[in-house]
Amino acid sequence: MAPDEAVVGCCGVLEIGTRGDAGPGEVLVRVRGGTETFLAWSAQPLVRGTKVLVVESRGVRQVDVIEWADPLDALTGDAGDAG
């Protein structure tokens, strides 16, 4: 299946933690004017609630993610809810 390029570069929050190479988690991503869930893969395990950035689409509803801290939160002093 073709990659979903619209989701690459979007931020989200892990609903189910990832297990690195051992398996995916689940991420809720803000995309296309709403929110959608995807299977989330990461190089290192990430816990539930981690804010992430989608760096690649694996095709049908599967993405690669990395942990993400929005740099704009530092400007406003808000480390709060970006997901």
PDB file of N, CA and C in Angstrom:
ATOM      1  N   MET A   1       0.837  -1.177   0.000  1.00  0.00           N
ATOM      2  CA  MET A   1       0.000   0.000   0.000  1.00  0.00           C
ATOM      3  C   MET A   1       0.888   1.249   0.000  1.00  0.00           C
ATOM      4  N   ALA A   2       0.387   2.292  -0.588  1.00  0.00           N
ATOM      5  CA  ALA A   2       1.129   3.544  -0.686  1.00  0.00           C
ATOM      6  C   ALA A   2       1.206   4.236   0.673  1.00  0.00           C
ATOM      7  N   PRO A   3       2.321   4.914   0.931  1.00  0.00           N
ATOM      8  CA  PRO A   3       2.448   5.661   2.189  1.00  0.00           C
ATOM      9  C   PRO A   3       1.420   6.787   2.267  1.00  0.00           C
ATOM     10  N   ASP A   4       1.050   7.152   3.479  1.00  0.00           N
ATOM     11  CA  ASP A   4       0.119   8.254   3.736  1.00  0.00           C
ATOM     12  C   ASP A   4       0.970   9.481   4.052  1.00  0.00           C
ATOM     13  N   GLU A   5       1.343  10.229   3.034  1.00  0.00           N
ATOM     14  CA  GLU A   5       2.248  11.365   3.209  1.00  0.00           C
ATOM     15  C   GLU A   5       1.637  12.487   4.049  1.00  0.00           C
ATOM     16  N   ALA A   6       0.304  12.580   4.130  1.00  0.00           N
ATOM     17  CA  ALA A   6      -0.348  13.649   4.892  1.00  0.00           C
ATOM     18  C   ALA A   6      -0.027  13.572   6.374  1.00  0.00           C
ATOM     19  N   VAL A   7       0.285  12.396   6.877  1.00  0.00           N
ATOM     20  CA  VAL A   7       0.519  12.221   8.309  1.00  0.00           C
ATOM     21  C   VAL A   7       1.977  12.515   8.707  1.00  0.00           C
ATOM     22  N   VAL A   8       2.901  12.454   7.743  1.00  0.00           N
ATOM     23  CA  VAL A   8       4.313  12.709   8.039  1.00  0.00           C
ATOM     24  C   VAL A   8       4.489  14.167   8.464  1.00  0.00           C
ATOM     25  N   GLY A   9       5.131  14.375   9.609  1.00  0.00           N
ATOM     26  CA  GLY A   9       5.331  15.712  10.153  1.00  0.00           C
ATOM     27  C   GLY A   9       4.274  16.123  11.162  1.00  0.00           C
ATOM     28  N   CYS A  10       3.259  15.289  11.344  1.00  0.00           N
ATOM     29  CA  CYS A  10       2.205  15.576  12.315  1.00  0.00           C
ATOM     30  C   CYS A  10       2.622  15.097  13.711  1.00  0.00           C
ATOM     31  N   CYS A  11       2.060  15.744  14.725  1.00  0.00           N
ATOM     32  CA  CYS A  11       2.329  15.370  16.119  1.00  0.00           C
ATOM     33  C   CYS A  11       1.170  14.547  16.666  1.00  0.00           C
ATOM     34  N   GLY A  12       1.485  13.763  17.675  1.00  0.00           N
ATOM     35  CA  GLY A  12       0.461  12.959  18.315  1.00  0.00           C
ATOM     36  C   GLY A  12       0.878  12.538  19.705  1.00  0.00           C
ATOM     37  N   VAL A  13       0.033  11.743  20.337  1.00  0.00           N
ATOM     38  CA  VAL A  13       0.281  11.226  21.681  1.00  0.00           C
ATOM     39  C   VAL A  13       0.059   9.719  21.661  1.00  0.00           C
ATOM     40  N   LEU A  14       0.972   8.984  22.284  1.00  0.00           N
ATOM     41  CA  LEU A  14       0.827   7.536  22.329  1.00  0.00           C
ATOM     42  C   LEU A  14      -0.308   7.142  23.251  1.00  0.00           C
ATOM     43  N   GLU A  15      -1.246   6.383  22.723  1.00  0.00           N
ATOM     44  CA  GLU A  15      -2.343   5.816  23.509  1.00  0.00           C
ATOM     45  C   GLU A  15      -1.917   4.475  24.099  1.00  0.00           C
ATOM     46  N   ILE A  16      -1.062   3.764  23.375  1.00  0.00           N
ATOM     47  CA  ILE A  16      -0.458   2.512  23.828  1.00  0.00           C
ATOM     48  C   ILE A  16       1.031   2.634  23.540  1.00  0.00           C
ATOM     49  N   GLY A  17       1.864   2.395  24.546  1.00  0.00           N
ATOM     50  CA  GLY A  17       3.308   2.539  24.395  1.00  0.00           C
ATOM     51  C   GLY A  17       3.882   1.607  23.347  1.00  0.00           C
ATOM     52  N   THR A  18       4.978   2.045  22.715  1.00  0.00           N
ATOM     53  CA  THR A  18       5.673   1.211  21.746  1.00  0.00           C
ATOM     54  C   THR A  18       6.668   0.317  22.473  1.00  0.00           C
ATOM     55  N   ARG A  19       7.121  -0.738  21.783  1.00  0.00           N
ATOM     56  CA  ARG A  19       8.072  -1.672  22.384  1.00  0.00           C
ATOM     57  C   ARG A  19       9.359  -1.756  21.579  1.00  0.00           C
ATOM     58  N   GLY A  20       9.709  -0.699  20.871  1.00  0.00           N
ATOM     59  CA  GLY A  20      10.906  -0.714  20.034  1.00  0.00           C
ATOM     60  C   GLY A  20      10.766  -1.772  18.952  1.00  0.00           C
ATOM     61  N   ASP A  21      11.816  -2.562  18.751  1.00  0.00           N
ATOM     62  CA  ASP A  21      11.795  -3.615  17.731  1.00  0.00           C
ATOM     63  C   ASP A  21      10.827  -4.743  18.062  1.00  0.00           C
ATOM     64  N   ALA A  22      10.374  -4.833  19.318  1.00  0.00           N
ATOM     65  CA  ALA A  22       9.495  -5.923  19.748  1.00  0.00           C
ATOM     66  C   ALA A  22       8.039  -5.723  19.317  1.00  0.00           C
ATOM     67  N   GLY A  23       7.676  -4.522  18.881  1.00  0.00           N
ATOM     68  CA  GLY A  23       6.304  -4.338  18.421  1.00  0.00           C
ATOM     69  C   GLY A  23       5.815  -2.911  18.511  1.00  0.00           C
ATOM     70  N   PRO A  24       4.691  -2.648  17.857  1.00  0.00           N
ATOM     71  CA  PRO A  24       4.161  -1.292  17.800  1.00  0.00           C
ATOM     72  C   PRO A  24       3.285  -0.949  18.996  1.00  0.00           C
ATOM     73  N   GLY A  25       3.029   0.338  19.114  1.00  0.00           N
ATOM     74  CA  GLY A  25       2.024   0.854  20.029  1.00  0.00           C
ATOM     75  C   GLY A  25       0.924   1.474  19.176  1.00  0.00           C
ATOM     76  N   GLU A  26       0.207   2.407  19.763  1.00  0.00           N
ATOM     77  CA  GLU A  26      -0.852   3.098  19.021  1.00  0.00           C
ATOM     78  C   GLU A  26      -0.756   4.581  19.322  1.00  0.00           C
ATOM     79  N   VAL A  27      -0.865   5.401  18.279  1.00  0.00           N
ATOM     80  CA  VAL A  27      -0.756   6.843  18.428  1.00  0.00           C
ATOM     81  C   VAL A  27      -2.014   7.517  17.896  1.00  0.00           C
ATOM     82  N   LEU A  28      -2.446   8.562  18.593  1.00  0.00           N
ATOM     83  CA  LEU A  28      -3.550   9.419  18.173  1.00  0.00           C
ATOM     84  C   LEU A  28      -2.915  10.667  17.566  1.00  0.00           C
ATOM     85  N   VAL A  29      -3.149  10.885  16.272  1.00  0.00           N
ATOM     86  CA  VAL A  29      -2.486  11.951  15.516  1.00  0.00           C
ATOM     87  C   VAL A  29      -3.504  12.975  15.050  1.00  0.00           C
ATOM     88  N   ARG A  30      -3.148  14.254  15.185  1.00  0.00           N
ATOM     89  CA  ARG A  30      -3.966  15.330  14.622  1.00  0.00           C
ATOM     90  C   ARG A  30      -3.601  15.470  13.152  1.00  0.00           C
ATOM     91  N   VAL A  31      -4.555  15.147  12.273  1.00  0.00           N
ATOM     92  CA  VAL A  31      -4.299  15.188  10.837  1.00  0.00           C
ATOM     93  C   VAL A  31      -5.619  15.391  10.092  1.00  0.00           C
ATOM     94  N   ARG A  32      -5.564  16.053   8.971  1.00  0.00           N
ATOM     95  CA  ARG A  32      -6.740  16.280   8.111  1.00  0.00           C
ATOM     96  C   ARG A  32      -7.917  16.927   8.841  1.00  0.00           C
ATOM     97  N   GLY A  33      -7.629  17.826   9.769  1.00  0.00           N
ATOM     98  CA  GLY A  33      -8.681  18.540  10.480  1.00  0.00           C
ATOM     99  C   GLY A  33      -9.359  17.751  11.582  1.00  0.00           C
ATOM    100  N   GLY A  34      -8.803  16.624  11.957  1.00  0.00           N
ATOM    101  CA  GLY A  34      -9.368  15.797  13.023  1.00  0.00           C
ATOM    102  C   GLY A  34      -8.279  14.980  13.683  1.00  0.00           C
ATOM    103  N   THR A  35      -8.656  13.879  14.299  1.00  0.00           N
ATOM    104  CA  THR A  35      -7.675  12.975  14.890  1.00  0.00           C
ATOM    105  C   THR A  35      -7.923  11.566  14.358  1.00  0.00           C
ATOM    106  N   GLU A  36      -6.825  10.842  14.154  1.00  0.00           N
ATOM    107  CA  GLU A  36      -6.901   9.474  13.656  1.00  0.00           C
ATOM    108  C   GLU A  36      -5.894   8.632  14.431  1.00  0.00           C
ATOM    109  N   THR A  37      -6.167   7.338  14.541  1.00  0.00           N
ATOM    110  CA  THR A  37      -5.239   6.432  15.213  1.00  0.00           C
ATOM    111  C   THR A  37      -4.440   5.633  14.184  1.00  0.00           C
ATOM    112  N   PHE A  38      -3.196   5.360  14.552  1.00  0.00           N
ATOM    113  CA  PHE A  38      -2.280   4.601  13.710  1.00  0.00           C
ATOM    114  C   PHE A  38      -1.481   3.651  14.588  1.00  0.00           C
ATOM    115  N   LEU A  39      -1.040   2.522  14.031  1.00  0.00           N
ATOM    116  CA  LEU A  39      -0.037   1.719  14.705  1.00  0.00           C
ATOM    117  C   LEU A  39       1.251   2.523  14.670  1.00  0.00           C
ATOM    118  N   ALA A  40       1.958   2.580  15.791  1.00  0.00           N
ATOM    119  CA  ALA A  40       3.150   3.421  15.901  1.00  0.00           C
ATOM    120  C   ALA A  40       4.372   2.561  16.198  1.00  0.00           C
ATOM    121  N   TRP A  41       5.374   2.699  15.379  1.00  0.00           N
ATOM    122  CA  TRP A  41       6.637   1.993  15.545  1.00  0.00           C
ATOM    123  C   TRP A  41       7.715   2.992  15.936  1.00  0.00           C
ATOM    124  N   SER A  42       8.633   2.586  16.816  1.00  0.00           N
ATOM    125  CA  SER A  42       9.748   3.441  17.199  1.00  0.00           C
ATOM    126  C   SER A  42      10.992   2.590  17.411  1.00  0.00           C
ATOM    127  N   ALA A  43      12.159   3.201  17.272  1.00  0.00           N
ATOM    128  CA  ALA A  43      13.424   2.475  17.453  1.00  0.00           C
ATOM    129  C   ALA A  43      13.601   2.044  18.908  1.00  0.00           C
ATOM    130  N   GLN A  44      13.202   2.910  19.835  1.00  0.00           N
ATOM    131  CA  GLN A  44      13.307   2.638  21.266  1.00  0.00           C
ATOM    132  C   GLN A  44      11.899   2.575  21.856  1.00  0.00           C
ATOM    133  N   PRO A  45      11.690   1.787  22.898  1.00  0.00           N
ATOM    134  CA  PRO A  45      10.372   1.767  23.549  1.00  0.00           C
ATOM    135  C   PRO A  45       9.980   3.155  24.075  1.00  0.00           C
ATOM    136  N   LEU A  46       8.730   3.510  23.903  1.00  0.00           N
ATOM    137  CA  LEU A  46       8.184   4.775  24.402  1.00  0.00           C
ATOM    138  C   LEU A  46       6.923   4.460  25.199  1.00  0.00           C
ATOM    139  N   VAL A  47       6.732   5.148  26.304  1.00  0.00           N
ATOM    140  CA  VAL A  47       5.597   4.866  27.182  1.00  0.00           C
ATOM    141  C   VAL A  47       4.337   5.609  26.743  1.00  0.00           C
ATOM    142  N   ARG A  48       3.205   5.099  27.218  1.00  0.00           N
ATOM    143  CA  ARG A  48       1.905   5.721  26.964  1.00  0.00           C
ATOM    144  C   ARG A  48       1.946   7.180  27.425  1.00  0.00           C
ATOM    145  N   GLY A  49       1.360   8.065  26.642  1.00  0.00           N
ATOM    146  CA  GLY A  49       1.323   9.483  26.983  1.00  0.00           C
ATOM    147  C   GLY A  49       2.470  10.283  26.401  1.00  0.00           C
ATOM    148  N   THR A  50       3.459   9.612  25.804  1.00  0.00           N
ATOM    149  CA  THR A  50       4.591  10.314  25.199  1.00  0.00           C
ATOM    150  C   THR A  50       4.126  11.099  23.979  1.00  0.00           C
ATOM    151  N   LYS A  51       4.567  12.354  23.883  1.00  0.00           N
ATOM    152  CA  LYS A  51       4.287  13.160  22.692  1.00  0.00           C
ATOM    153  C   LYS A  51       5.282  12.739  21.621  1.00  0.00           C
ATOM    154  N   VAL A  52       4.772  12.525  20.412  1.00  0.00           N
ATOM    155  CA  VAL A  52       5.619  12.024  19.332  1.00  0.00           C
ATOM    156  C   VAL A  52       5.411  12.818  18.052  1.00  0.00           C
ATOM    157  N   LEU A  53       6.395  12.687  17.152  1.00  0.00           N
ATOM    158  CA  LEU A  53       6.351  13.267  15.818  1.00  0.00           C
ATOM    159  C   LEU A  53       6.389  12.117  14.824  1.00  0.00           C
ATOM    160  N   VAL A  54       5.499  12.130  13.849  1.00  0.00           N
ATOM    161  CA  VAL A  54       5.499  11.107  12.805  1.00  0.00           C
ATOM    162  C   VAL A  54       6.603  11.444  11.805  1.00  0.00           C
ATOM    163  N   VAL A  55       7.547  10.516  11.615  1.00  0.00           N
ATOM    164  CA  VAL A  55       8.671  10.762  10.719  1.00  0.00           C
ATOM    165  C   VAL A  55       8.581   9.971   9.422  1.00  0.00           C
ATOM    166  N   GLU A  56       7.715   8.943   9.399  1.00  0.00           N
ATOM    167  CA  GLU A  56       7.565   8.164   8.177  1.00  0.00           C
ATOM    168  C   GLU A  56       6.247   7.392   8.217  1.00  0.00           C
ATOM    169  N   SER A  57       5.666   7.203   7.047  1.00  0.00           N
ATOM    170  CA  SER A  57       4.472   6.376   6.924  1.00  0.00           C
ATOM    171  C   SER A  57       4.887   5.016   6.377  1.00  0.00           C
ATOM    172  N   ARG A  58       4.359   3.960   6.974  1.00  0.00           N
ATOM    173  CA  ARG A  58       4.633   2.598   6.510  1.00  0.00           C
ATOM    174  C   ARG A  58       3.526   2.090   5.594  1.00  0.00           C
ATOM    175  N   GLY A  59       2.586   2.933   5.270  1.00  0.00           N
ATOM    176  CA  GLY A  59       1.464   2.519   4.424  1.00  0.00           C
ATOM    177  C   GLY A  59       0.174   2.580   5.207  1.00  0.00           C
ATOM    178  N   VAL A  60      -0.611   1.529   5.110  1.00  0.00           N
ATOM    179  CA  VAL A  60      -1.952   1.509   5.689  1.00  0.00           C
ATOM    180  C   VAL A  60      -1.925   1.662   7.209  1.00  0.00           C
ATOM    181  N   ARG A  61      -2.180   2.872   7.697  1.00  0.00           N
ATOM    182  CA  ARG A  61      -2.393   3.179   9.114  1.00  0.00           C
ATOM    183  C   ARG A  61      -1.252   2.723  10.017  1.00  0.00           C
ATOM    184  N   GLN A  62      -0.007   2.766   9.501  1.00  0.00           N
ATOM    185  CA  GLN A  62       1.167   2.453  10.297  1.00  0.00           C
ATOM    186  C   GLN A  62       2.214   3.538  10.067  1.00  0.00           C
ATOM    187  N   VAL A  63       2.809   4.011  11.162  1.00  0.00           N
ATOM    188  CA  VAL A  63       3.782   5.093  11.065  1.00  0.00           C
ATOM    189  C   VAL A  63       4.990   4.825  11.955  1.00  0.00           C
ATOM    190  N   ASP A  64       6.092   5.481  11.625  1.00  0.00           N
ATOM    191  CA  ASP A  64       7.270   5.503  12.483  1.00  0.00           C
ATOM    192  C   ASP A  64       7.258   6.829  13.233  1.00  0.00           C
ATOM    193  N   VAL A  65       7.549   6.783  14.538  1.00  0.00           N
ATOM    194  CA  VAL A  65       7.506   7.987  15.367  1.00  0.00           C
ATOM    195  C   VAL A  65       8.788   8.138  16.176  1.00  0.00           C
ATOM    196  N   ILE A  66       9.047   9.384  16.593  1.00  0.00           N
ATOM    197  CA  ILE A  66      10.113   9.687  17.544  1.00  0.00           C
ATOM    198  C   ILE A  66       9.514  10.548  18.643  1.00  0.00           C
ATOM    199  N   GLU A  67      10.139  10.510  19.825  1.00  0.00           N
ATOM    200  CA  GLU A  67       9.678  11.372  20.914  1.00  0.00           C
ATOM    201  C   GLU A  67       9.856  12.818  20.477  1.00  0.00           C
ATOM    202  N   TRP A  68       8.905  13.671  20.887  1.00  0.00           N
ATOM    203  CA  TRP A  68       8.885  15.058  20.404  1.00  0.00           C
ATOM    204  C   TRP A  68       8.535  16.020  21.532  1.00  0.00           C
ATOM    205  N   ALA A  69       9.309  17.086  21.631  1.00  0.00           N
ATOM    206  CA  ALA A  69       8.988  18.197  22.526  1.00  0.00           C
ATOM    207  C   ALA A  69       8.869  19.431  21.635  1.00  0.00           C
ATOM    208  N   ASP A  70       7.700  20.008  21.567  1.00  0.00           N
ATOM    209  CA  ASP A  70       7.465  21.168  20.714  1.00  0.00           C
ATOM    210  C   ASP A  70       8.307  22.338  21.197  1.00  0.00           C
ATOM    211  N   PRO A  71       9.210  22.859  20.369  1.00  0.00           N
ATOM    212  CA  PRO A  71      10.059  23.974  20.794  1.00  0.00           C
ATOM    213  C   PRO A  71       9.271  25.250  21.099  1.00  0.00           C
ATOM    214  N   LEU A  72       8.080  25.381  20.543  1.00  0.00           N
ATOM    215  CA  LEU A  72       7.266  26.562  20.832  1.00  0.00           C
ATOM    216  C   LEU A  72       6.726  26.550  22.258  1.00  0.00           C
ATOM    217  N   ASP A  73       6.610  25.363  22.865  1.00  0.00           N
ATOM    218  CA  ASP A  73       6.168  25.290  24.259  1.00  0.00           C
ATOM    219  C   ASP A  73       7.145  26.014  25.179  1.00  0.00           C
ATOM    220  N   ALA A  74       8.434  25.954  24.863  1.00  0.00           N
ATOM    221  CA  ALA A  74       9.448  26.622  25.676  1.00  0.00           C
ATOM    222  C   ALA A  74       9.278  28.146  25.616  1.00  0.00           C
ATOM    223  N   LEU A  75       8.838  28.654  24.478  1.00  0.00           N
ATOM    224  CA  LEU A  75       8.648  30.102  24.335  1.00  0.00           C
ATOM    225  C   LEU A  75       7.474  30.603  25.163  1.00  0.00           C
ATOM    226  N   THR A  76       6.443  29.811  25.291  1.00  0.00           N
ATOM    227  CA  THR A  76       5.256  30.231  26.022  1.00  0.00           C
ATOM    228  C   THR A  76       5.319  29.796  27.478  1.00  0.00           C
ATOM    229  N   GLY A  77       6.327  28.970  27.803  1.00  0.00           N
ATOM    230  CA  GLY A  77       6.438  28.461  29.169  1.00  0.00           C
ATOM    231  C   GLY A  77       5.468  27.342  29.434  1.00  0.00           C
ATOM    232  N   ASP A  78       4.845  26.809  28.363  1.00  0.00           N
ATOM    233  CA  ASP A  78       3.854  25.741  28.507  1.00  0.00           C
ATOM    234  C   ASP A  78       4.427  24.433  28.011  1.00  0.00           C
ATOM    235  N   ALA A  79       4.661  23.521  28.913  1.00  0.00           N
ATOM    236  CA  ALA A  79       5.103  22.182  28.522  1.00  0.00           C
ATOM    237  C   ALA A  79       3.902  21.266  28.459  1.00  0.00           C
ATOM    238  N   GLY A  80       2.731  21.851  28.353  1.00  0.00           N
ATOM    239  CA  GLY A  80       1.465  21.120  28.476  1.00  0.00           C
ATOM    240  C   GLY A  80       1.027  20.384  27.247  1.00  0.00           C
ATOM    241  N   ASP A  81      -0.251  20.331  27.032  1.00  0.00           N
ATOM    242  CA  ASP A  81      -0.909  19.446  26.101  1.00  0.00           C
ATOM    243  C   ASP A  81      -0.716  19.876  24.648  1.00  0.00           C
ATOM    244  N   ALA A  82       0.230  19.245  23.948  1.00  0.00           N
ATOM    245  CA  ALA A  82       0.424  19.499  22.538  1.00  0.00           C
ATOM    246  C   ALA A  82      -0.190  18.397  21.695  1.00  0.00           C
ATOM    247  N   GLY A  83      -0.711  17.351  22.318  1.00  0.00           N
ATOM    248  CA  GLY A  83      -1.236  16.206  21.588  1.00  0.00           C
ATOM    249  C   GLY A  83      -2.672  16.312  21.464  1.00  0.00           C
TER     250      GLY A  83
END
